[in-house]
Amino acid sequence: MATTASSYLEQLDTSRSFDLPETTTGTLRLDLRDDGHTEHWYLTVAGQHLAVTRSAEDADLIVRAARSVFDELVNGDLPPGTAMLRNELTLRGDMRLLLVLRRVLPGPKGARHPRELGRAALARRHASAGRAASGGRDDRP
């Protein structure tokens, strides 16, 4: 079952490190529009810590989209950049804070962290080098 943007934000693990630079500070307001109603979520970032509340206060970066677009974003079905290019996601304010949004949202389905891919490639390289050093023999029982 797909996650809704509201339930994702309610359950967001604010103790989790989002790999943000320690100097990142600012506020984001997410405006989820649906049938003439707007739901506001307020994210405060300071020193790699994130706080999520419900507020319509002004923020350093305001991100607006239809609720269905935010639902796609939190399910990894739509990257934020693609939504911006399609004009489904609009931004006003400090664009540097878009990094925060990208780190808070899950990546595409099936995506892996680049470090994980690098470690796997390195392990394969070491394994093939070990086989080459042993003359191609596989000494496993």
C-alpha atoms as a PDB file:
ATOM      1  CA  MET A   1       0.000   0.000   0.000  1.00  0.00           C
ATOM      2  CA  ALA A   2       1.311   3.444  -0.906  1.00  0.00           C
ATOM      3  CA  THR A   3       2.266   5.924   1.779  1.00  0.00           C
ATOM      4  CA  THR A   4       0.590   9.319   1.855  1.00  0.00           C
ATOM      5  CA  ALA A   5       2.673  12.454   2.242  1.00  0.00           C
ATOM      6  CA  SER A   6       0.915  13.314   5.504  1.00  0.00           C
ATOM      7  CA  SER A   7       1.575   9.919   7.082  1.00  0.00           C
ATOM      8  CA  TYR A   8       5.197  10.003   5.880  1.00  0.00           C
ATOM      9  CA  LEU A   9       5.787  13.413   7.456  1.00  0.00           C
ATOM     10  CA  GLU A  10       4.012  12.395  10.681  1.00  0.00           C
ATOM     11  CA  GLN A  11       6.252   9.346  11.035  1.00  0.00           C
ATOM     12  CA  LEU A  12       9.461  10.989   9.826  1.00  0.00           C
ATOM     13  CA  ASP A  13      12.361   9.930  12.047  1.00  0.00           C
ATOM     14  CA  THR A  14      13.741  13.299  13.072  1.00  0.00           C
ATOM     15  CA  SER A  15      16.596  11.662  14.969  1.00  0.00           C
ATOM     16  CA  ARG A  16      17.894  10.192  11.708  1.00  0.00           C
ATOM     17  CA  SER A  17      20.943  11.811  10.127  1.00  0.00           C
ATOM     18  CA  PHE A  18      20.086  13.021   6.651  1.00  0.00           C
ATOM     19  CA  ASP A  19      23.733  13.464   5.626  1.00  0.00           C
ATOM     20  CA  LEU A  20      23.341  17.228   5.694  1.00  0.00           C
ATOM     21  CA  PRO A  21      26.287  19.543   6.180  1.00  0.00           C
ATOM     22  CA  GLU A  22      26.559  20.675   9.790  1.00  0.00           C
ATOM     23  CA  THR A  23      26.197  24.280   8.672  1.00  0.00           C
ATOM     24  CA  THR A  24      22.803  23.742   7.032  1.00  0.00           C
ATOM     25  CA  THR A  25      20.144  25.795   8.770  1.00  0.00           C
ATOM     26  CA  GLY A  26      16.772  27.013   7.614  1.00  0.00           C
ATOM     27  CA  THR A  27      13.077  26.379   7.411  1.00  0.00           C
ATOM     28  CA  LEU A  28      10.913  24.776   4.755  1.00  0.00           C
ATOM     29  CA  ARG A  29       7.175  24.862   4.441  1.00  0.00           C
ATOM     30  CA  LEU A  30       5.476  22.191   2.388  1.00  0.00           C
ATOM     31  CA  ASP A  31       2.056  23.206   1.059  1.00  0.00           C
ATOM     32  CA  LEU A  32       0.012  20.167   0.038  1.00  0.00           C
ATOM     33  CA  ARG A  33      -2.984  21.342  -2.022  1.00  0.00           C
ATOM     34  CA  ASP A  34      -6.102  19.241  -2.454  1.00  0.00           C
ATOM     35  CA  ASP A  35      -9.597  20.336  -3.554  1.00  0.00           C
ATOM     36  CA  GLY A  36      -9.268  23.964  -2.470  1.00  0.00           C
ATOM     37  CA  HIS A  37      -7.682  23.035   0.865  1.00  0.00           C
ATOM     38  CA  THR A  38      -3.990  23.417   1.720  1.00  0.00           C
ATOM     39  CA  GLU A  39      -2.229  21.368   4.384  1.00  0.00           C
ATOM     40  CA  HIS A  40       0.958  22.992   5.727  1.00  0.00           C
ATOM     41  CA  TRP A  41       4.012  21.142   7.074  1.00  0.00           C
ATOM     42  CA  TYR A  42       6.918  23.065   8.573  1.00  0.00           C
ATOM     43  CA  LEU A  43      10.444  21.633   8.659  1.00  0.00           C
ATOM     44  CA  THR A  44      13.179  23.287  10.704  1.00  0.00           C
ATOM     45  CA  VAL A  45      16.788  22.279  10.025  1.00  0.00           C
ATOM     46  CA  ALA A  46      19.674  23.204  12.305  1.00  0.00           C
ATOM     47  CA  GLY A  47      23.012  21.428  12.604  1.00  0.00           C
ATOM     48  CA  GLN A  48      21.881  18.125  11.035  1.00  0.00           C
ATOM     49  CA  HIS A  49      18.752  18.040  13.215  1.00  0.00           C
ATOM     50  CA  LEU A  50      15.270  18.158  11.749  1.00  0.00           C
ATOM     51  CA  ALA A  51      12.012  19.152  13.437  1.00  0.00           C
ATOM     52  CA  VAL A  52       8.632  18.659  11.754  1.00  0.00           C
ATOM     53  CA  THR A  53       5.509  20.550  12.814  1.00  0.00           C
ATOM     54  CA  ARG A  54       2.233  21.696  11.300  1.00  0.00           C
ATOM     55  CA  SER A  55       2.370  25.441  10.646  1.00  0.00           C
ATOM     56  CA  ALA A  56       1.549  27.981   7.962  1.00  0.00           C
ATOM     57  CA  GLU A  57       4.348  30.325   9.110  1.00  0.00           C
ATOM     58  CA  ASP A  58       6.536  31.923   6.489  1.00  0.00           C
ATOM     59  CA  ALA A  59       9.669  29.858   5.749  1.00  0.00           C
ATOM     60  CA  ASP A  60      13.015  30.261   4.002  1.00  0.00           C
ATOM     61  CA  LEU A  61      11.811  27.892   1.266  1.00  0.00           C
ATOM     62  CA  ILE A  62       8.166  27.279   0.421  1.00  0.00           C
ATOM     63  CA  VAL A  63       7.390  24.192  -1.652  1.00  0.00           C
ATOM     64  CA  ARG A  64       3.905  23.896  -3.179  1.00  0.00           C
ATOM     65  CA  ALA A  65       2.301  21.010  -5.033  1.00  0.00           C
ATOM     66  CA  ALA A  66      -0.851  18.965  -5.253  1.00  0.00           C
ATOM     67  CA  ARG A  67      -1.204  16.339  -2.541  1.00  0.00           C
ATOM     68  CA  SER A  68      -0.965  13.631  -5.226  1.00  0.00           C
ATOM     69  CA  VAL A  69       2.453  14.968  -6.308  1.00  0.00           C
ATOM     70  CA  PHE A  70       3.735  14.903  -2.714  1.00  0.00           C
ATOM     71  CA  ASP A  71       2.370  11.352  -2.396  1.00  0.00           C
ATOM     72  CA  GLU A  72       4.415  10.343  -5.448  1.00  0.00           C
ATOM     73  CA  LEU A  73       7.496  12.060  -3.992  1.00  0.00           C
ATOM     74  CA  VAL A  74       7.303  10.219  -0.648  1.00  0.00           C
ATOM     75  CA  ASN A  75       6.790   6.882  -2.391  1.00  0.00           C
ATOM     76  CA  GLY A  76       9.884   7.342  -4.565  1.00  0.00           C
ATOM     77  CA  ASP A  77       7.769   7.380  -7.727  1.00  0.00           C
ATOM     78  CA  LEU A  78       8.688  10.941  -8.728  1.00  0.00           C
ATOM     79  CA  PRO A  79      12.024  12.730  -8.237  1.00  0.00           C
ATOM     80  CA  PRO A  80      11.734  16.362  -7.067  1.00  0.00           C
ATOM     81  CA  GLY A  81      13.717  17.586 -10.091  1.00  0.00           C
ATOM     82  CA  THR A  82      11.303  15.937 -12.500  1.00  0.00           C
ATOM     83  CA  ALA A  83       8.324  17.436 -10.661  1.00  0.00           C
ATOM     84  CA  MET A  84       9.944  20.882 -10.910  1.00  0.00           C
ATOM     85  CA  LEU A  85      10.604  20.503 -14.639  1.00  0.00           C
ATOM     86  CA  ARG A  86       6.982  19.477 -15.173  1.00  0.00           C
ATOM     87  CA  ASN A  87       5.913  22.540 -13.165  1.00  0.00           C
ATOM     88  CA  GLU A  88       4.060  20.235 -10.744  1.00  0.00           C
ATOM     89  CA  LEU A  89       6.222  21.440  -7.853  1.00  0.00           C
ATOM     90  CA  THR A  90       6.830  25.124  -7.302  1.00  0.00           C
ATOM     91  CA  LEU A  91       9.457  26.688  -5.061  1.00  0.00           C
ATOM     92  CA  ARG A  92       9.856  30.147  -3.585  1.00  0.00           C
ATOM     93  CA  GLY A  93      12.750  31.245  -1.454  1.00  0.00           C
ATOM     94  CA  ASP A  94      16.203  29.915  -0.637  1.00  0.00           C
ATOM     95  CA  MET A  95      16.808  27.240  -3.269  1.00  0.00           C
ATOM     96  CA  ARG A  96      19.825  25.911  -1.361  1.00  0.00           C
ATOM     97  CA  LEU A  97      17.347  24.303   1.032  1.00  0.00           C
ATOM     98  CA  LEU A  98      16.109  22.099  -1.790  1.00  0.00           C
ATOM     99  CA  LEU A  99      18.987  19.814  -0.749  1.00  0.00           C
ATOM    100  CA  VAL A 100      17.211  19.296   2.569  1.00  0.00           C
ATOM    101  CA  LEU A 101      14.023  18.235   0.824  1.00  0.00           C
ATOM    102  CA  ARG A 102      15.916  15.846  -1.448  1.00  0.00           C
ATOM    103  CA  ARG A 103      17.616  14.247   1.583  1.00  0.00           C
ATOM    104  CA  VAL A 104      14.400  13.956   3.600  1.00  0.00           C
ATOM    105  CA  LEU A 105      12.446  12.316   0.787  1.00  0.00           C
ATOM    106  CA  PRO A 106      13.174   8.687  -0.061  1.00  0.00           C
ATOM    107  CA  GLY A 107      15.037   7.994  -3.258  1.00  0.00           C
ATOM    108  CA  PRO A 108      13.630   6.173  -6.259  1.00  0.00           C
ATOM    109  CA  LYS A 109      12.404   2.632  -5.684  1.00  0.00           C
ATOM    110  CA  GLY A 110      15.269   0.172  -5.918  1.00  0.00           C
ATOM    111  CA  ALA A 111      17.905   2.904  -5.706  1.00  0.00           C
ATOM    112  CA  ARG A 112      21.061   2.268  -3.701  1.00  0.00           C
ATOM    113  CA  HIS A 113      23.501   4.666  -2.107  1.00  0.00           C
ATOM    114  CA  PRO A 114      26.584   5.333  -4.282  1.00  0.00           C
ATOM    115  CA  ARG A 115      28.885   4.202  -1.466  1.00  0.00           C
ATOM    116  CA  GLU A 116      27.083   0.864  -1.349  1.00  0.00           C
ATOM    117  CA  LEU A 117      27.601   0.447  -5.094  1.00  0.00           C
ATOM    118  CA  GLY A 118      31.283   1.372  -4.750  1.00  0.00           C
ATOM    119  CA  ARG A 119      31.832  -1.147  -1.964  1.00  0.00           C
ATOM    120  CA  ALA A 120      30.171  -3.892  -4.023  1.00  0.00           C
ATOM    121  CA  ALA A 121      32.341  -3.074  -7.051  1.00  0.00           C
ATOM    122  CA  LEU A 122      35.473  -3.072  -4.896  1.00  0.00           C
ATOM    123  CA  ALA A 123      34.536  -6.442  -3.400  1.00  0.00           C
ATOM    124  CA  ARG A 124      34.041  -7.896  -6.916  1.00  0.00           C
ATOM    125  CA  ARG A 125      37.404  -6.483  -8.000  1.00  0.00           C
ATOM    126  CA  HIS A 126      39.170  -8.032  -4.990  1.00  0.00           C
ATOM    127  CA  ALA A 127      37.441 -11.359  -5.616  1.00  0.00           C
ATOM    128  CA  SER A 128      38.491 -11.452  -9.289  1.00  0.00           C
ATOM    129  CA  ALA A 129      42.056 -10.377  -8.380  1.00  0.00           C
ATOM    130  CA  GLY A 130      42.209 -13.216  -5.850  1.00  0.00           C
ATOM    131  CA  ARG A 131      41.061 -15.739  -8.465  1.00  0.00           C
ATOM    132  CA  ALA A 132      43.617 -14.406 -10.959  1.00  0.00           C
ATOM    133  CA  ALA A 133      46.414 -14.675  -8.378  1.00  0.00           C
ATOM    134  CA  SER A 134      45.504 -18.300  -7.724  1.00  0.00           C
ATOM    135  CA  GLY A 135      45.661 -19.117 -11.438  1.00  0.00           C
ATOM    136  CA  GLY A 136      41.902 -19.006 -11.831  1.00  0.00           C
ATOM    137  CA  ARG A 137      41.417 -21.895  -9.428  1.00  0.00           C
ATOM    138  CA  ASP A 138      38.476 -21.805  -7.126  1.00  0.00           C
ATOM    139  CA  ASP A 139      39.705 -23.377  -3.879  1.00  0.00           C
ATOM    140  CA  ARG A 140      36.241 -23.587  -2.379  1.00  0.00           C
ATOM    141  CA  PRO A 141      35.053 -27.078  -1.377  1.00  0.00           C
END
